[in-house]
Amino acid sequence: MTEKRNILTIKALAELASVRQPPCLSLYQPTHRHRPETQQDPIRFRNLVKELETLLRQKYPAAETQLILEPFEALAHDHDFWIHTLDGLAATYRY
């Protein structure tokens, strides 16, 4: 398995806080370490992504919304990721 987790550093926090053009999205979700709770984590994540899509479509065309959400959708369908979660997930998108 390819390691996908990054350590949050002061430098990374500063970069995240820097001014960017909209849209800037953050999605936070508690996750679980053990079955059967882990089976619900990707479902909850996909539901949160649907909420993001609803909000984005209020300001952006459907095609642009789909491009913005591609990384979130890819994560939602990454089986290897979801079987190795710990206590929480933070996913961000910056333009």
Protein backbone atom coordinates (compact mmCIF):
# COMPACT_ATOMS: atom_id res chain seq x y z
CA MET A 1 0.00 0.00 0.00
CA THR A 2 1.22 3.47 -0.82
CA GLU A 3 1.40 5.70 2.24
CA LYS A 4 -1.12 8.53 1.76
CA ARG A 5 -1.04 10.20 5.15
CA ASN A 6 0.91 13.43 5.61
CA ILE A 7 2.08 14.93 8.86
CA LEU A 8 0.57 18.35 9.48
CA THR A 9 3.46 20.77 10.04
CA ILE A 10 3.62 24.46 10.86
CA LYS A 11 4.72 25.08 7.27
CA ALA A 12 1.75 23.11 5.94
CA LEU A 13 -0.64 25.05 8.19
CA ALA A 14 0.79 28.36 6.98
CA GLU A 15 0.34 27.26 3.38
CA LEU A 16 -3.24 26.20 4.04
CA ALA A 17 -3.99 29.54 5.68
CA SER A 18 -2.53 31.61 2.86
CA VAL A 19 -4.94 33.56 0.70
CA ARG A 20 -6.26 31.64 -2.30
CA GLN A 21 -8.94 32.23 -4.87
CA PRO A 22 -12.27 30.59 -4.19
CA PRO A 23 -13.43 27.94 -3.97
CA CYS A 24 -11.53 26.62 -0.98
CA LEU A 25 -13.12 23.54 0.53
CA SER A 26 -12.45 21.64 3.73
CA LEU A 27 -14.16 18.44 4.73
CA TYR A 28 -13.67 17.03 8.23
CA GLN A 29 -14.97 13.67 9.36
CA PRO A 30 -14.39 11.39 12.32
CA THR A 31 -13.38 7.89 11.21
CA HIS A 32 -13.01 4.54 12.91
CA ARG A 33 -10.17 2.08 13.36
CA HIS A 34 -12.15 -1.16 13.49
CA ARG A 35 -14.97 -2.99 11.79
CA PRO A 36 -17.93 -2.80 11.62
CA GLU A 37 -17.81 1.00 12.14
CA THR A 38 -15.19 1.39 9.38
CA GLN A 39 -17.73 0.21 6.82
CA GLN A 40 -19.82 3.33 7.39
CA ASP A 41 -16.93 5.81 6.99
CA PRO A 42 -16.82 5.89 3.15
CA ILE A 43 -20.62 6.14 3.02
CA ARG A 44 -20.58 9.12 5.36
CA PHE A 45 -17.78 10.67 3.32
CA ARG A 46 -19.74 10.30 0.05
CA ASN A 47 -22.74 11.93 1.74
CA LEU A 48 -20.56 14.88 2.79
CA VAL A 49 -19.25 15.15 -0.78
CA LYS A 50 -22.86 15.30 -2.01
CA GLU A 51 -23.46 18.19 0.39
CA LEU A 52 -20.38 19.96 -1.01
CA GLU A 53 -21.72 19.42 -4.51
CA THR A 54 -25.07 20.95 -3.59
CA LEU A 55 -23.36 24.02 -2.13
CA LEU A 56 -20.95 24.40 -5.06
CA ARG A 57 -23.74 24.18 -7.65
CA GLN A 58 -25.27 27.29 -6.12
CA LYS A 59 -22.25 29.31 -7.34
CA TYR A 60 -20.51 27.25 -10.06
CA PRO A 61 -21.57 25.48 -13.24
CA ALA A 62 -22.03 21.70 -13.05
CA ALA A 63 -18.93 20.98 -15.16
CA GLU A 64 -16.70 23.10 -12.91
CA THR A 65 -18.26 21.57 -9.81
CA GLN A 66 -17.44 18.08 -11.09
CA LEU A 67 -13.80 19.06 -11.72
CA ILE A 68 -13.49 20.52 -8.24
CA LEU A 69 -14.94 17.39 -6.66
CA GLU A 70 -12.84 14.87 -8.61
CA PRO A 71 -10.21 14.45 -5.85
CA PHE A 72 -12.94 13.95 -3.24
CA GLU A 73 -14.69 11.40 -5.46
CA ALA A 74 -11.42 9.54 -6.04
CA LEU A 75 -10.85 9.34 -2.29
CA ALA A 76 -14.41 8.15 -1.72
CA HIS A 77 -13.74 5.16 -3.99
CA ASP A 78 -10.23 4.33 -2.73
CA HIS A 79 -10.82 1.03 -0.94
CA ASP A 80 -7.24 0.77 0.37
CA PHE A 81 -7.53 4.16 2.03
CA TRP A 82 -10.76 3.32 3.83
CA ILE A 83 -9.50 0.06 5.33
CA HIS A 84 -6.56 1.86 6.97
CA THR A 85 -8.18 4.90 8.61
CA LEU A 86 -7.45 6.06 12.12
CA ASP A 87 -9.51 8.55 14.15
CA GLY A 88 -10.35 11.26 11.65
CA LEU A 89 -10.03 12.69 8.16
CA ALA A 90 -9.39 16.21 6.89
CA ALA A 91 -9.63 16.73 3.13
CA THR A 92 -9.09 20.13 1.51
CA TYR A 93 -9.27 21.64 -1.97
CA ARG A 94 -7.66 24.93 -2.92
CA TYR A 95 -7.68 26.56 -6.32
